N, C-alpha and C. Protein backbone atom coordinates (compact mmCIF):
# COMPACT_ATOMS: atom_id res chain seq x y z
N MET A 1 -72.51 -87.58 91.81
CA MET A 1 -72.47 -86.36 91.17
C MET A 1 -72.67 -86.55 89.91
N GLN A 2 -73.17 -85.36 89.26
CA GLN A 2 -73.76 -85.49 87.76
C GLN A 2 -72.85 -84.67 87.28
N THR A 3 -72.20 -84.87 85.94
CA THR A 3 -71.29 -84.05 85.22
C THR A 3 -71.83 -83.64 83.77
N GLN A 4 -72.09 -82.48 83.59
CA GLN A 4 -72.51 -81.89 82.14
C GLN A 4 -71.21 -81.21 81.54
N THR A 5 -71.17 -81.74 79.96
CA THR A 5 -69.94 -81.27 79.37
C THR A 5 -70.29 -80.23 78.69
N LEU A 6 -69.75 -79.22 78.64
CA LEU A 6 -70.12 -78.02 77.67
C LEU A 6 -69.29 -77.84 76.49
N LYS A 7 -69.76 -77.73 75.27
CA LYS A 7 -69.29 -77.58 74.12
C LYS A 7 -69.76 -76.17 73.28
N ASP A 8 -68.50 -75.94 72.41
CA ASP A 8 -68.84 -74.73 71.69
C ASP A 8 -69.44 -74.97 70.31
N ARG A 9 -69.72 -74.19 69.61
CA ARG A 9 -70.73 -74.85 68.15
C ARG A 9 -69.86 -75.65 67.33
N HIS A 10 -68.36 -75.60 67.52
CA HIS A 10 -67.75 -76.62 66.84
C HIS A 10 -67.40 -78.12 67.31
N GLY A 11 -68.25 -78.05 68.66
CA GLY A 11 -68.03 -79.21 69.20
C GLY A 11 -66.81 -79.58 70.45
N HIS A 12 -66.04 -78.53 70.36
CA HIS A 12 -65.00 -78.49 71.13
C HIS A 12 -65.49 -78.36 72.81
N ILE A 13 -64.67 -79.16 73.45
CA ILE A 13 -65.02 -78.78 75.18
C ILE A 13 -64.82 -77.62 75.53
N THR A 14 -65.60 -76.87 76.17
CA THR A 14 -65.34 -75.34 76.98
C THR A 14 -65.15 -75.61 78.35
N GLY A 15 -66.05 -76.57 78.98
CA GLY A 15 -65.97 -76.69 80.32
C GLY A 15 -67.06 -77.78 80.71
N PHE A 16 -66.99 -77.81 82.06
CA PHE A 16 -67.97 -78.89 82.90
C PHE A 16 -68.88 -78.26 83.98
N VAL A 17 -69.93 -78.75 84.08
CA VAL A 17 -70.80 -78.31 85.11
C VAL A 17 -70.92 -79.75 86.12
N GLU A 18 -70.40 -79.66 87.41
CA GLU A 18 -70.62 -81.00 88.04
C GLU A 18 -71.65 -80.49 89.28
N THR A 19 -72.65 -81.23 89.39
CA THR A 19 -73.78 -80.91 90.45
C THR A 19 -73.58 -82.04 91.51
N ARG A 20 -73.14 -81.53 92.57
CA ARG A 20 -72.95 -82.31 93.55
C ARG A 20 -74.18 -82.79 94.37
N THR A 21 -73.93 -83.84 95.33
CA THR A 21 -75.06 -84.11 96.12
C THR A 21 -75.93 -83.26 96.83
N ASP A 22 -75.53 -82.14 97.14
CA ASP A 22 -75.94 -81.00 97.85
C ASP A 22 -76.83 -79.91 97.30
N GLY A 23 -76.68 -80.29 95.67
CA GLY A 23 -77.23 -79.54 94.71
C GLY A 23 -76.28 -78.37 94.31
N VAL A 24 -74.88 -78.00 94.96
CA VAL A 24 -74.53 -76.90 94.47
C VAL A 24 -73.73 -77.41 92.93
N MET A 25 -73.78 -76.34 92.25
CA MET A 25 -73.17 -76.64 90.92
C MET A 25 -71.55 -76.20 90.78
N VAL A 26 -70.74 -76.87 90.21
CA VAL A 26 -69.74 -76.32 90.23
C VAL A 26 -68.92 -76.16 88.77
N LEU A 27 -68.72 -75.06 88.35
CA LEU A 27 -67.98 -74.83 86.84
C LEU A 27 -66.56 -75.11 86.74
N LYS A 28 -66.14 -75.76 85.96
CA LYS A 28 -64.94 -76.09 85.65
C LYS A 28 -64.65 -75.96 84.31
N ASP A 29 -63.33 -75.42 84.00
CA ASP A 29 -62.77 -75.05 82.62
C ASP A 29 -62.60 -76.29 81.96
N GLU A 30 -61.91 -76.20 80.66
CA GLU A 30 -61.79 -77.37 79.95
C GLU A 30 -60.70 -78.18 80.27
N HIS A 31 -59.75 -77.48 81.14
CA HIS A 31 -58.61 -77.93 81.92
C HIS A 31 -59.27 -78.79 83.52
N ARG A 32 -60.42 -78.61 83.76
CA ARG A 32 -60.92 -79.02 84.83
C ARG A 32 -60.47 -78.05 86.04
N HIS A 33 -60.20 -76.79 85.99
CA HIS A 33 -60.03 -75.78 86.82
C HIS A 33 -61.36 -75.19 87.24
N ILE A 34 -61.44 -75.11 88.48
CA ILE A 34 -62.69 -74.52 89.14
C ILE A 34 -62.83 -73.25 88.84
N ARG A 35 -63.87 -72.76 88.26
CA ARG A 35 -64.10 -71.52 87.80
C ARG A 35 -65.31 -70.61 88.62
N GLY A 36 -66.22 -71.70 89.13
CA GLY A 36 -67.20 -70.74 89.84
C GLY A 36 -68.22 -72.05 90.58
N TYR A 37 -69.09 -71.58 91.37
CA TYR A 37 -70.03 -72.13 92.12
C TYR A 37 -71.35 -71.53 91.81
N TYR A 38 -72.35 -72.14 91.87
CA TYR A 38 -73.67 -71.81 92.08
C TYR A 38 -74.57 -72.58 93.13
N ASP A 39 -75.01 -71.97 94.12
CA ASP A 39 -75.86 -72.85 95.32
C ASP A 39 -77.55 -72.31 95.14
N PRO A 40 -78.00 -73.31 94.74
CA PRO A 40 -79.51 -73.20 94.27
C PRO A 40 -80.18 -72.66 95.78
N ARG A 41 -79.88 -73.18 96.81
CA ARG A 41 -80.43 -72.72 97.95
C ARG A 41 -80.34 -71.00 98.25
N SER A 42 -79.31 -70.84 97.98
CA SER A 42 -79.05 -69.20 98.38
C SER A 42 -79.43 -68.16 96.94
N ASP A 43 -79.55 -69.10 95.99
CA ASP A 43 -79.49 -68.48 94.46
C ASP A 43 -78.33 -67.28 94.15
N GLN A 44 -77.21 -67.80 94.69
CA GLN A 44 -76.03 -66.94 94.47
C GLN A 44 -75.16 -68.02 93.70
N THR A 45 -74.33 -67.01 92.73
CA THR A 45 -73.08 -67.70 91.95
C THR A 45 -72.00 -66.74 92.53
N LYS A 46 -71.04 -67.72 92.84
CA LYS A 46 -69.46 -67.12 93.36
C LYS A 46 -68.23 -67.67 92.62
N ASP A 47 -67.53 -66.83 92.36
CA ASP A 47 -66.19 -67.10 91.39
C ASP A 47 -65.72 -68.35 92.39
N ALA A 48 -64.24 -68.58 91.69
CA ALA A 48 -63.45 -69.67 92.24
C ALA A 48 -62.87 -69.12 93.67
N HIS A 49 -62.92 -68.08 94.17
CA HIS A 49 -62.41 -67.67 95.56
C HIS A 49 -63.54 -67.39 96.36
N MET A 50 -64.98 -67.75 95.78
CA MET A 50 -66.14 -67.73 96.78
C MET A 50 -66.53 -66.50 96.74
N HIS A 51 -66.01 -65.29 96.09
CA HIS A 51 -66.58 -64.03 95.73
C HIS A 51 -68.03 -63.93 95.15
N LEU A 52 -68.92 -63.31 95.78
CA LEU A 52 -70.54 -63.10 95.08
C LEU A 52 -70.31 -62.51 93.46
N VAL A 53 -70.81 -62.98 92.74
CA VAL A 53 -70.37 -62.62 91.40
C VAL A 53 -72.21 -61.98 90.85
N GLY A 54 -73.09 -62.64 91.36
CA GLY A 54 -74.47 -62.10 91.05
C GLY A 54 -75.48 -63.44 91.76
N TYR A 55 -76.84 -62.71 91.36
CA TYR A 55 -77.86 -63.78 91.90
C TYR A 55 -78.35 -64.52 90.91
N GLY A 56 -79.03 -65.56 91.14
CA GLY A 56 -79.34 -66.62 89.89
C GLY A 56 -78.16 -67.36 89.33
N ASN A 57 -78.28 -68.13 88.48
CA ASN A 57 -77.38 -69.13 87.94
C ASN A 57 -76.87 -68.52 86.73
N THR A 58 -75.70 -67.72 86.98
CA THR A 58 -74.82 -66.85 86.01
C THR A 58 -73.33 -67.79 85.64
N LEU A 59 -73.38 -69.02 85.95
CA LEU A 59 -71.87 -69.60 85.82
C LEU A 59 -71.28 -69.44 84.53
N LEU A 60 -72.17 -69.62 83.49
CA LEU A 60 -71.75 -69.71 81.80
C LEU A 60 -70.89 -68.43 81.92
N GLN A 61 -71.27 -67.37 82.61
CA GLN A 61 -70.48 -65.98 82.21
C GLN A 61 -69.16 -66.02 82.63
N LEU A 62 -68.94 -67.17 83.78
CA LEU A 62 -67.43 -67.22 84.03
C LEU A 62 -66.36 -67.51 83.17
N LEU A 63 -66.89 -68.37 82.32
CA LEU A 63 -66.27 -69.20 81.20
C LEU A 63 -65.46 -68.24 80.24
N GLY A 64 -66.36 -66.86 79.97
CA GLY A 64 -65.92 -65.96 79.09
C GLY A 64 -64.44 -65.42 79.27
């Protein structure tokens, strides 16, 4: 699993994106709570409760 750390312009950690071996990206906030998922096979972004948020990778919108 790969992990990308997300930081704001001041260098503070705002979240993490973990890419699983199946290609699904999992967005976690700075406390490592799951905020959403992006599945490139279906090209869908879903929130933490697996409700469809949109098409394409819109994970970063879930951090706001």
